[in-house]
Amino acid sequence: MLRITCVQFLPGCNGSRLVSGGADRQVRVTDLERCAMKSFGAHRGAVRAVAATSK
């Protein structure tokens, strides 16, 4: 089971994309309109916070 530890909607996407981090050391960007997800896994430990900017 995936344990999500943090989540934030991306600015400028009208609520259609979010970024999340988890105990599995992955950061995921999810496109809710397309039901698509991209994972980034270069973290050494659980991802406990995410921050998104408009740039």
N, C-alpha and C. Protein backbone atom coordinates (compact mmCIF):
# COMPACT_ATOMS: atom_id res chain seq x y z
N MET A 1 0.84 -1.17 0.00
CA MET A 1 0.00 0.00 0.00
C MET A 1 0.89 1.25 0.00
N LEU A 2 0.52 2.23 -0.78
CA LEU A 2 1.28 3.48 -0.91
C LEU A 2 0.90 4.43 0.22
N ARG A 3 1.89 4.91 0.94
CA ARG A 3 1.65 5.87 2.01
C ARG A 3 2.10 7.24 1.54
N ILE A 4 1.13 8.11 1.25
CA ILE A 4 1.42 9.47 0.81
C ILE A 4 1.66 10.33 2.04
N THR A 5 2.76 11.05 2.05
CA THR A 5 3.11 11.87 3.20
C THR A 5 2.89 13.36 2.98
N CYS A 6 2.77 13.80 1.71
CA CYS A 6 2.55 15.20 1.41
C CYS A 6 1.97 15.33 0.01
N VAL A 7 1.20 16.40 -0.19
CA VAL A 7 0.58 16.62 -1.50
C VAL A 7 0.31 18.12 -1.68
N GLN A 8 0.43 18.59 -2.92
CA GLN A 8 0.13 19.99 -3.23
C GLN A 8 -0.31 20.09 -4.68
N PHE A 9 -1.35 20.89 -4.93
CA PHE A 9 -1.75 21.17 -6.31
C PHE A 9 -0.72 22.10 -6.93
N LEU A 10 -0.44 21.89 -8.21
CA LEU A 10 0.51 22.75 -8.93
C LEU A 10 -0.18 24.04 -9.33
N PRO A 11 0.47 25.18 -9.10
CA PRO A 11 -0.13 26.45 -9.48
C PRO A 11 -0.22 26.59 -10.99
N GLY A 12 -1.25 27.28 -11.45
CA GLY A 12 -1.41 27.54 -12.87
C GLY A 12 -1.98 26.40 -13.68
N CYS A 13 -2.46 25.35 -13.04
CA CYS A 13 -2.99 24.18 -13.76
C CYS A 13 -4.48 23.98 -13.51
N ASN A 14 -5.14 24.96 -12.93
CA ASN A 14 -6.59 24.89 -12.68
C ASN A 14 -7.00 23.64 -11.92
N GLY A 15 -6.16 23.19 -11.00
CA GLY A 15 -6.49 22.04 -10.19
C GLY A 15 -6.40 20.71 -10.89
N SER A 16 -5.76 20.67 -12.06
CA SER A 16 -5.70 19.42 -12.82
C SER A 16 -4.43 18.61 -12.57
N ARG A 17 -3.44 19.22 -11.91
CA ARG A 17 -2.18 18.49 -11.64
C ARG A 17 -1.79 18.68 -10.19
N LEU A 18 -1.22 17.63 -9.64
CA LEU A 18 -0.71 17.72 -8.28
C LEU A 18 0.60 16.99 -8.16
N VAL A 19 1.35 17.37 -7.14
CA VAL A 19 2.61 16.71 -6.84
C VAL A 19 2.47 16.09 -5.45
N SER A 20 2.99 14.87 -5.31
CA SER A 20 2.90 14.19 -4.02
C SER A 20 4.22 13.50 -3.70
N GLY A 21 4.44 13.27 -2.43
CA GLY A 21 5.61 12.55 -1.97
C GLY A 21 5.17 11.45 -1.04
N GLY A 22 6.00 10.41 -0.95
CA GLY A 22 5.59 9.28 -0.14
C GLY A 22 6.71 8.63 0.64
N ALA A 23 6.31 7.72 1.50
CA ALA A 23 7.25 6.95 2.31
C ALA A 23 8.11 6.03 1.45
N ASP A 24 7.69 5.79 0.22
CA ASP A 24 8.46 4.93 -0.70
C ASP A 24 9.59 5.68 -1.41
N ARG A 25 9.89 6.91 -0.98
CA ARG A 25 10.98 7.75 -1.50
C ARG A 25 10.71 8.27 -2.91
N GLN A 26 9.47 8.30 -3.34
CA GLN A 26 9.11 8.76 -4.68
C GLN A 26 8.40 10.11 -4.61
N VAL A 27 8.65 10.95 -5.61
CA VAL A 27 7.85 12.15 -5.86
C VAL A 27 7.08 11.86 -7.13
N ARG A 28 5.78 12.12 -7.10
CA ARG A 28 4.94 11.85 -8.27
C ARG A 28 4.21 13.11 -8.69
N VAL A 29 4.16 13.33 -10.00
CA VAL A 29 3.35 14.39 -10.58
C VAL A 29 2.19 13.70 -11.28
N THR A 30 0.98 14.04 -10.87
CA THR A 30 -0.22 13.39 -11.38
C THR A 30 -1.05 14.38 -12.17
N ASP A 31 -1.43 14.00 -13.38
CA ASP A 31 -2.34 14.76 -14.22
C ASP A 31 -3.72 14.13 -14.05
N LEU A 32 -4.60 14.82 -13.35
CA LEU A 32 -5.92 14.27 -13.04
C LEU A 32 -6.84 14.20 -14.25
N GLU A 33 -6.64 15.09 -15.23
CA GLU A 33 -7.47 15.07 -16.44
C GLU A 33 -7.14 13.88 -17.33
N ARG A 34 -5.87 13.54 -17.44
CA ARG A 34 -5.43 12.45 -18.32
C ARG A 34 -5.25 11.12 -17.59
N CYS A 35 -5.42 11.13 -16.27
CA CYS A 35 -5.17 9.93 -15.44
C CYS A 35 -3.77 9.40 -15.69
N ALA A 36 -2.79 10.31 -15.70
CA ALA A 36 -1.40 9.95 -15.96
C ALA A 36 -0.53 10.36 -14.77
N MET A 37 0.53 9.60 -14.55
CA MET A 37 1.43 9.89 -13.43
C MET A 37 2.88 9.68 -13.86
N LYS A 38 3.75 10.57 -13.40
CA LYS A 38 5.19 10.42 -13.64
C LYS A 38 5.88 10.40 -12.28
N SER A 39 6.78 9.43 -12.09
CA SER A 39 7.47 9.26 -10.81
C SER A 39 8.93 9.67 -10.92
N PHE A 40 9.45 10.22 -9.83
CA PHE A 40 10.85 10.60 -9.71
C PHE A 40 11.37 10.00 -8.41
N GLY A 41 12.40 9.17 -8.49
CA GLY A 41 12.80 8.40 -7.32
C GLY A 41 14.24 8.53 -6.88
N ALA A 42 14.81 9.70 -6.87
CA ALA A 42 16.21 9.85 -6.49
C ALA A 42 16.39 10.26 -5.02
N HIS A 43 15.42 9.99 -4.19
CA HIS A 43 15.48 10.42 -2.80
C HIS A 43 15.99 9.31 -1.90
N ARG A 44 16.73 9.69 -0.88
CA ARG A 44 17.34 8.70 0.02
C ARG A 44 16.41 8.23 1.13
N GLY A 45 15.39 9.00 1.40
CA GLY A 45 14.45 8.65 2.47
C GLY A 45 13.05 9.05 2.07
N ALA A 46 12.13 8.89 3.00
CA ALA A 46 10.74 9.26 2.75
C ALA A 46 10.65 10.74 2.38
N VAL A 47 9.79 11.07 1.44
CA VAL A 47 9.55 12.46 1.05
C VAL A 47 8.52 13.01 2.03
N ARG A 48 8.89 14.04 2.78
CA ARG A 48 8.02 14.56 3.84
C ARG A 48 7.40 15.91 3.52
N ALA A 49 7.88 16.56 2.46
CA ALA A 49 7.34 17.86 2.09
C ALA A 49 7.56 18.08 0.60
N VAL A 50 6.63 18.76 -0.03
CA VAL A 50 6.77 19.17 -1.43
C VAL A 50 6.43 20.66 -1.50
N ALA A 51 7.03 21.34 -2.44
CA ALA A 51 6.75 22.75 -2.68
C ALA A 51 6.70 22.96 -4.17
N ALA A 52 5.71 23.69 -4.62
CA ALA A 52 5.54 23.95 -6.06
C ALA A 52 5.46 25.45 -6.28
N THR A 53 6.12 25.91 -7.34
CA THR A 53 6.06 27.32 -7.71
C THR A 53 5.51 27.42 -9.12
N SER A 54 5.14 28.61 -9.50
CA SER A 54 4.57 28.82 -10.83
C SER A 54 5.63 28.90 -11.91
N LYS A 55 6.90 28.93 -11.57
CA LYS A 55 7.97 29.02 -12.56
C LYS A 55 8.64 27.71 -12.77
